[in-house]
Amino acid sequence: MVECQKIYKIVVEGAIDPSWSDWFHGFSIQPIANRHGRCLSVLSGPVTDQAALRGILNKAWGLNLILVSVNRMEED
């Protein structure tokens, strides 16, 4: 079976330090401010399957982060 990874972009409210990347399965973490000045964090990286995505979302939930969006990025 060929492993097919999809790239996901997850946005949560609040600032997550980029040093937490390993804890979030190697996802890159970029704190940003939205147009209203609220702090958000963009987590992005490859996901092998829905169980792996659920694991990442569970970690965000465990930190009481408010989920703004989850998007699978289009392949080039």
PDB file of N, CA and C in Angstrom:
ATOM      1  N   MET A   1       0.839  -1.185   0.000  1.00  0.00           N
ATOM      2  CA  MET A   1       0.000   0.000   0.000  1.00  0.00           C
ATOM      3  C   MET A   1       0.884   1.248   0.000  1.00  0.00           C
ATOM      4  N   VAL A   2       0.584   2.182  -0.844  1.00  0.00           N
ATOM      5  CA  VAL A   2       1.340   3.421  -0.950  1.00  0.00           C
ATOM      6  C   VAL A   2       0.817   4.413   0.083  1.00  0.00           C
ATOM      7  N   GLU A   3       1.740   4.997   0.850  1.00  0.00           N
ATOM      8  CA  GLU A   3       1.353   5.995   1.836  1.00  0.00           C
ATOM      9  C   GLU A   3       1.154   7.332   1.150  1.00  0.00           C
ATOM     10  N   CYS A   4      -0.009   7.909   1.335  1.00  0.00           N
ATOM     11  CA  CYS A   4      -0.338   9.175   0.696  1.00  0.00           C
ATOM     12  C   CYS A   4      -0.604  10.209   1.777  1.00  0.00           C
ATOM     13  N   GLN A   5       0.241  11.204   1.864  1.00  0.00           N
ATOM     14  CA  GLN A   5       0.068  12.242   2.865  1.00  0.00           C
ATOM     15  C   GLN A   5      -0.590  13.458   2.250  1.00  0.00           C
ATOM     16  N   LYS A   6      -1.484  14.034   3.005  1.00  0.00           N
ATOM     17  CA  LYS A   6      -2.128  15.279   2.617  1.00  0.00           C
ATOM     18  C   LYS A   6      -1.635  16.373   3.553  1.00  0.00           C
ATOM     19  N   ILE A   7      -1.536  17.575   3.045  1.00  0.00           N
ATOM     20  CA  ILE A   7      -1.109  18.717   3.851  1.00  0.00           C
ATOM     21  C   ILE A   7      -2.350  19.397   4.420  1.00  0.00           C
ATOM     22  N   TYR A   8      -2.334  19.613   5.731  1.00  0.00           N
ATOM     23  CA  TYR A   8      -3.438  20.291   6.408  1.00  0.00           C
ATOM     24  C   TYR A   8      -2.967  21.594   7.019  1.00  0.00           C
ATOM     25  N   LYS A   9      -3.887  22.538   7.068  1.00  0.00           N
ATOM     26  CA  LYS A   9      -3.661  23.836   7.708  1.00  0.00           C
ATOM     27  C   LYS A   9      -4.754  23.987   8.766  1.00  0.00           C
ATOM     28  N   ILE A  10      -4.329  24.102  10.025  1.00  0.00           N
ATOM     29  CA  ILE A  10      -5.249  24.214  11.151  1.00  0.00           C
ATOM     30  C   ILE A  10      -5.014  25.569  11.799  1.00  0.00           C
ATOM     31  N   VAL A  11      -6.069  26.333  12.003  1.00  0.00           N
ATOM     32  CA  VAL A  11      -5.959  27.648  12.641  1.00  0.00           C
ATOM     33  C   VAL A  11      -6.702  27.588  13.965  1.00  0.00           C
ATOM     34  N   VAL A  12      -6.024  28.035  15.026  1.00  0.00           N
ATOM     35  CA  VAL A  12      -6.615  28.083  16.365  1.00  0.00           C
ATOM     36  C   VAL A  12      -6.423  29.472  16.946  1.00  0.00           C
ATOM     37  N   GLU A  13      -7.285  29.835  17.891  1.00  0.00           N
ATOM     38  CA  GLU A  13      -7.111  31.098  18.593  1.00  0.00           C
ATOM     39  C   GLU A  13      -5.994  30.939  19.620  1.00  0.00           C
ATOM     40  N   GLY A  14      -5.246  32.021  19.820  1.00  0.00           N
ATOM     41  CA  GLY A  14      -4.168  32.018  20.804  1.00  0.00           C
ATOM     42  C   GLY A  14      -2.813  31.815  20.159  1.00  0.00           C
ATOM     43  N   ALA A  15      -1.791  32.130  20.930  1.00  0.00           N
ATOM     44  CA  ALA A  15      -0.414  32.008  20.444  1.00  0.00           C
ATOM     45  C   ALA A  15       0.195  30.710  20.945  1.00  0.00           C
ATOM     46  N   ILE A  16       0.664  29.905  20.020  1.00  0.00           N
ATOM     47  CA  ILE A  16       1.404  28.694  20.355  1.00  0.00           C
ATOM     48  C   ILE A  16       2.844  28.938  19.935  1.00  0.00           C
ATOM     49  N   ASP A  17       3.760  28.727  20.848  1.00  0.00           N
ATOM     50  CA  ASP A  17       5.175  28.930  20.538  1.00  0.00           C
ATOM     51  C   ASP A  17       5.618  27.900  19.500  1.00  0.00           C
ATOM     52  N   PRO A  18       6.348  28.333  18.477  1.00  0.00           N
ATOM     53  CA  PRO A  18       6.825  27.394  17.448  1.00  0.00           C
ATOM     54  C   PRO A  18       7.657  26.237  17.998  1.00  0.00           C
ATOM     55  N   SER A  19       8.202  26.372  19.197  1.00  0.00           N
ATOM     56  CA  SER A  19       8.991  25.287  19.787  1.00  0.00           C
ATOM     57  C   SER A  19       8.129  24.063  20.124  1.00  0.00           C
ATOM     58  N   TRP A  20       6.808  24.189  20.076  1.00  0.00           N
ATOM     59  CA  TRP A  20       5.894  23.079  20.334  1.00  0.00           C
ATOM     60  C   TRP A  20       5.696  22.210  19.091  1.00  0.00           C
ATOM     61  N   SER A  21       6.407  22.477  18.028  1.00  0.00           N
ATOM     62  CA  SER A  21       6.236  21.763  16.769  1.00  0.00           C
ATOM     63  C   SER A  21       6.325  20.244  16.934  1.00  0.00           C
ATOM     64  N   ASP A  22       7.320  19.763  17.667  1.00  0.00           N
ATOM     65  CA  ASP A  22       7.472  18.310  17.843  1.00  0.00           C
ATOM     66  C   ASP A  22       6.250  17.709  18.530  1.00  0.00           C
ATOM     67  N   TRP A  23       5.696  18.423  19.493  1.00  0.00           N
ATOM     68  CA  TRP A  23       4.524  17.926  20.216  1.00  0.00           C
ATOM     69  C   TRP A  23       3.318  17.821  19.293  1.00  0.00           C
ATOM     70  N   PHE A  24       3.270  18.677  18.275  1.00  0.00           N
ATOM     71  CA  PHE A  24       2.199  18.644  17.278  1.00  0.00           C
ATOM     72  C   PHE A  24       2.646  17.872  16.036  1.00  0.00           C
ATOM     73  N   HIS A  25       3.299  16.738  16.232  1.00  0.00           N
ATOM     74  CA  HIS A  25       3.681  15.820  15.152  1.00  0.00           C
ATOM     75  C   HIS A  25       4.527  16.476  14.064  1.00  0.00           C
ATOM     76  N   GLY A  26       5.365  17.443  14.431  1.00  0.00           N
ATOM     77  CA  GLY A  26       6.246  18.083  13.463  1.00  0.00           C
ATOM     78  C   GLY A  26       5.591  19.162  12.618  1.00  0.00           C
ATOM     79  N   PHE A  27       4.346  19.508  12.919  1.00  0.00           N
ATOM     80  CA  PHE A  27       3.685  20.592  12.184  1.00  0.00           C
ATOM     81  C   PHE A  27       4.445  21.892  12.403  1.00  0.00           C
ATOM     82  N   SER A  28       4.497  22.723  11.370  1.00  0.00           N
ATOM     83  CA  SER A  28       5.061  24.055  11.566  1.00  0.00           C
ATOM     84  C   SER A  28       4.001  24.894  12.274  1.00  0.00           C
ATOM     85  N   ILE A  29       4.448  25.814  13.117  1.00  0.00           N
ATOM     86  CA  ILE A  29       3.546  26.663  13.884  1.00  0.00           C
ATOM     87  C   ILE A  29       3.926  28.112  13.634  1.00  0.00           C
ATOM     88  N   GLN A  30       2.944  28.881  13.204  1.00  0.00           N
ATOM     89  CA  GLN A  30       3.190  30.296  12.917  1.00  0.00           C
ATOM     90  C   GLN A  30       2.140  31.148  13.637  1.00  0.00           C
ATOM     91  N   PRO A  31       2.564  31.871  14.704  1.00  0.00           N
ATOM     92  CA  PRO A  31       1.636  32.804  15.347  1.00  0.00           C
ATOM     93  C   PRO A  31       1.416  34.019  14.442  1.00  0.00           C
ATOM     94  N   ILE A  32       0.163  34.430  14.311  1.00  0.00           N
ATOM     95  CA  ILE A  32      -0.178  35.586  13.485  1.00  0.00           C
ATOM     96  C   ILE A  32      -1.247  36.406  14.198  1.00  0.00           C
ATOM     97  N   ALA A  33      -1.499  37.596  13.706  1.00  0.00           N
ATOM     98  CA  ALA A  33      -2.618  38.410  14.182  1.00  0.00           C
ATOM     99  C   ALA A  33      -3.615  38.518  13.038  1.00  0.00           C
ATOM    100  N   ASN A  34      -4.892  38.357  13.354  1.00  0.00           N
ATOM    101  CA  ASN A  34      -5.883  38.517  12.294  1.00  0.00           C
ATOM    102  C   ASN A  34      -6.163  39.995  12.072  1.00  0.00           C
ATOM    103  N   ARG A  35      -7.088  40.304  11.195  1.00  0.00           N
ATOM    104  CA  ARG A  35      -7.334  41.708  10.844  1.00  0.00           C
ATOM    105  C   ARG A  35      -7.926  42.511  11.991  1.00  0.00           C
ATOM    106  N   HIS A  36      -8.412  41.825  13.030  1.00  0.00           N
ATOM    107  CA  HIS A  36      -8.966  42.509  14.201  1.00  0.00           C
ATOM    108  C   HIS A  36      -7.951  42.584  15.339  1.00  0.00           C
ATOM    109  N   GLY A  37      -6.729  42.120  15.089  1.00  0.00           N
ATOM    110  CA  GLY A  37      -5.673  42.164  16.083  1.00  0.00           C
ATOM    111  C   GLY A  37      -5.668  40.996  17.054  1.00  0.00           C
ATOM    112  N   ARG A  38      -6.568  40.017  16.853  1.00  0.00           N
ATOM    113  CA  ARG A  38      -6.578  38.841  17.723  1.00  0.00           C
ATOM    114  C   ARG A  38      -5.453  37.903  17.329  1.00  0.00           C
ATOM    115  N   CYS A  39      -4.863  37.286  18.324  1.00  0.00           N
ATOM    116  CA  CYS A  39      -3.755  36.376  18.091  1.00  0.00           C
ATOM    117  C   CYS A  39      -4.286  35.004  17.677  1.00  0.00           C
ATOM    118  N   LEU A  40      -3.725  34.476  16.597  1.00  0.00           N
ATOM    119  CA  LEU A  40      -4.042  33.151  16.093  1.00  0.00           C
ATOM    120  C   LEU A  40      -2.748  32.384  15.885  1.00  0.00           C
ATOM    121  N   SER A  41      -2.857  31.070  15.788  1.00  0.00           N
ATOM    122  CA  SER A  41      -1.717  30.244  15.420  1.00  0.00           C
ATOM    123  C   SER A  41      -2.121  29.364  14.249  1.00  0.00           C
ATOM    124  N   VAL A  42      -1.251  29.308  13.252  1.00  0.00           N
ATOM    125  CA  VAL A  42      -1.477  28.472  12.078  1.00  0.00           C
ATOM    126  C   VAL A  42      -0.537  27.276  12.180  1.00  0.00           C
ATOM    127  N   LEU A  43      -1.122  26.088  12.239  1.00  0.00           N
ATOM    128  CA  LEU A  43      -0.364  24.847  12.275  1.00  0.00           C
ATOM    129  C   LEU A  43      -0.512  24.200  10.912  1.00  0.00           C
ATOM    130  N   SER A  44       0.583  23.787  10.311  1.00  0.00           N
ATOM    131  CA  SER A  44       0.483  23.155   9.000  1.00  0.00           C
ATOM    132  C   SER A  44       1.514  22.051   8.852  1.00  0.00           C
ATOM    133  N   GLY A  45       1.089  21.005   8.136  1.00  0.00           N
ATOM    134  CA  GLY A  45       1.995  19.899   7.908  1.00  0.00           C
ATOM    135  C   GLY A  45       1.291  18.705   7.318  1.00  0.00           C
ATOM    136  N   PRO A  46       2.052  17.637   7.063  1.00  0.00           N
ATOM    137  CA  PRO A  46       1.489  16.444   6.441  1.00  0.00           C
ATOM    138  C   PRO A  46       0.756  15.564   7.452  1.00  0.00           C
ATOM    139  N   VAL A  47      -0.325  14.956   6.970  1.00  0.00           N
ATOM    140  CA  VAL A  47      -1.116  14.023   7.770  1.00  0.00           C
ATOM    141  C   VAL A  47      -1.288  12.755   6.948  1.00  0.00           C
ATOM    142  N   THR A  48      -0.973  11.612   7.545  1.00  0.00           N
ATOM    143  CA  THR A  48      -1.044  10.348   6.811  1.00  0.00           C
ATOM    144  C   THR A  48      -2.462   9.812   6.669  1.00  0.00           C
ATOM    145  N   ASP A  49      -3.294  10.048   7.700  1.00  0.00           N
ATOM    146  CA  ASP A  49      -4.665   9.544   7.651  1.00  0.00           C
ATOM    147  C   ASP A  49      -5.532  10.304   8.655  1.00  0.00           C
ATOM    148  N   GLN A  50      -6.810   9.965   8.685  1.00  0.00           N
ATOM    149  CA  GLN A  50      -7.748  10.681   9.552  1.00  0.00           C
ATOM    150  C   GLN A  50      -7.450  10.450  11.027  1.00  0.00           C
ATOM    151  N   ALA A  51      -6.906   9.293  11.382  1.00  0.00           N
ATOM    152  CA  ALA A  51      -6.547   9.034  12.776  1.00  0.00           C
ATOM    153  C   ALA A  51      -5.434   9.980  13.234  1.00  0.00           C
ATOM    154  N   ALA A  52      -4.470  10.231  12.360  1.00  0.00           N
ATOM    155  CA  ALA A  52      -3.387  11.172  12.689  1.00  0.00           C
ATOM    156  C   ALA A  52      -3.928  12.586  12.828  1.00  0.00           C
ATOM    157  N   LEU A  53      -4.853  12.969  11.944  1.00  0.00           N
ATOM    158  CA  LEU A  53      -5.471  14.291  12.049  1.00  0.00           C
ATOM    159  C   LEU A  53      -6.231  14.412  13.357  1.00  0.00           C
ATOM    160  N   ARG A  54      -6.955  13.373  13.721  1.00  0.00           N
ATOM    161  CA  ARG A  54      -7.703  13.373  14.986  1.00  0.00           C
ATOM    162  C   ARG A  54      -6.751  13.538  16.169  1.00  0.00           C
ATOM    163  N   GLY A  55      -5.587  12.917  16.119  1.00  0.00           N
ATOM    164  CA  GLY A  55      -4.607  13.048  17.191  1.00  0.00           C
ATOM    165  C   GLY A  55      -4.141  14.486  17.370  1.00  0.00           C
ATOM    166  N   ILE A  56      -3.910  15.176  16.269  1.00  0.00           N
ATOM    167  CA  ILE A  56      -3.485  16.575  16.330  1.00  0.00           C
ATOM    168  C   ILE A  56      -4.614  17.451  16.876  1.00  0.00           C
ATOM    169  N   LEU A  57      -5.824  17.215  16.388  1.00  0.00           N
ATOM    170  CA  LEU A  57      -6.967  17.984  16.880  1.00  0.00           C
ATOM    171  C   LEU A  57      -7.230  17.709  18.361  1.00  0.00           C
ATOM    172  N   ASN A  58      -7.011  16.470  18.807  1.00  0.00           N
ATOM    173  CA  ASN A  58      -7.170  16.148  20.223  1.00  0.00           C
ATOM    174  C   ASN A  58      -6.163  16.900  21.086  1.00  0.00           C
ATOM    175  N   LYS A  59      -4.956  17.078  20.577  1.00  0.00           N
ATOM    176  CA  LYS A  59      -3.952  17.839  21.328  1.00  0.00           C
ATOM    177  C   LYS A  59      -4.382  19.292  21.466  1.00  0.00           C
ATOM    178  N   ALA A  60      -4.916  19.874  20.396  1.00  0.00           N
ATOM    179  CA  ALA A  60      -5.415  21.254  20.464  1.00  0.00           C
ATOM    180  C   ALA A  60      -6.573  21.342  21.449  1.00  0.00           C
ATOM    181  N   TRP A  61      -7.458  20.365  21.407  1.00  0.00           N
ATOM    182  CA  TRP A  61      -8.597  20.327  22.321  1.00  0.00           C
ATOM    183  C   TRP A  61      -8.110  20.212  23.770  1.00  0.00           C
ATOM    184  N   GLY A  62      -7.100  19.375  23.997  1.00  0.00           N
ATOM    185  CA  GLY A  62      -6.546  19.194  25.338  1.00  0.00           C
ATOM    186  C   GLY A  62      -5.940  20.473  25.907  1.00  0.00           C
ATOM    187  N   LEU A  63      -5.513  21.361  25.043  1.00  0.00           N
ATOM    188  CA  LEU A  63      -4.968  22.659  25.468  1.00  0.00           C
ATOM    189  C   LEU A  63      -6.055  23.729  25.560  1.00  0.00           C
ATOM    190  N   ASN A  64      -7.316  23.329  25.335  1.00  0.00           N
ATOM    191  CA  ASN A  64      -8.462  24.252  25.345  1.00  0.00           C
ATOM    192  C   ASN A  64      -8.331  25.356  24.298  1.00  0.00           C
ATOM    193  N   LEU A  65      -7.712  25.029  23.164  1.00  0.00           N
ATOM    194  CA  LEU A  65      -7.596  25.997  22.079  1.00  0.00           C
ATOM    195  C   LEU A  65      -8.903  26.034  21.298  1.00  0.00           C
ATOM    196  N   ILE A  66      -9.294  27.206  20.877  1.00  0.00           N
ATOM    197  CA  ILE A  66     -10.512  27.359  20.087  1.00  0.00           C
ATOM    198  C   ILE A  66     -10.157  27.151  18.620  1.00  0.00           C
ATOM    199  N   LEU A  67     -10.806  26.176  18.011  1.00  0.00           N
ATOM    200  CA  LEU A  67     -10.562  25.839  16.620  1.00  0.00           C
ATOM    201  C   LEU A  67     -11.248  26.860  15.716  1.00  0.00           C
ATOM    202  N   VAL A  68     -10.475  27.455  14.810  1.00  0.00           N
ATOM    203  CA  VAL A  68     -11.015  28.428  13.861  1.00  0.00           C
ATOM    204  C   VAL A  68     -11.305  27.748  12.526  1.00  0.00           C
ATOM    205  N   SER A  69     -10.352  26.946  12.049  1.00  0.00           N
ATOM    206  CA  SER A  69     -10.569  26.248  10.776  1.00  0.00           C
ATOM    207  C   SER A  69      -9.617  25.072  10.634  1.00  0.00           C
ATOM    208  N   VAL A  70     -10.049  24.111   9.813  1.00  0.00           N
ATOM    209  CA  VAL A  70      -9.223  22.971   9.414  1.00  0.00           C
ATOM    210  C   VAL A  70      -9.404  22.839   7.910  1.00  0.00           C
ATOM    211  N   ASN A  71      -8.312  22.928   7.177  1.00  0.00           N
ATOM    212  CA  ASN A  71      -8.390  22.848   5.715  1.00  0.00           C
ATOM    213  C   ASN A  71      -7.329  21.917   5.167  1.00  0.00           C
ATOM    214  N   ARG A  72      -7.744  21.061   4.239  1.00  0.00           N
ATOM    215  CA  ARG A  72      -6.777  20.261   3.495  1.00  0.00           C
ATOM    216  C   ARG A  72      -6.351  21.100   2.312  1.00  0.00           C
ATOM    217  N   MET A  73      -5.055  21.237   2.147  1.00  0.00           N
ATOM    218  CA  MET A  73      -4.521  22.091   1.095  1.00  0.00           C
ATOM    219  C   MET A  73      -4.533  21.323  -0.228  1.00  0.00           C
ATOM    220  N   GLU A  74      -4.764  22.061  -1.292  1.00  0.00           N
ATOM    221  CA  GLU A  74      -4.768  21.487  -2.629  1.00  0.00           C
ATOM    222  C   GLU A  74      -3.373  21.055  -3.029  1.00  0.00           C
ATOM    223  N   GLU A  75      -3.302  19.955  -3.739  1.00  0.00           N
ATOM    224  CA  GLU A  75      -2.010  19.481  -4.240  1.00  0.00           C
ATOM    225  C   GLU A  75      -1.627  20.287  -5.464  1.00  0.00           C
ATOM    226  N   ASP A  76      -0.309  20.493  -5.625  1.00  0.00           N
ATOM    227  CA  ASP A  76       0.181  21.212  -6.802  1.00  0.00           C
ATOM    228  C   ASP A  76       0.069  20.374  -8.039  1.00  0.00           C
TER     229      ASP A  76
END
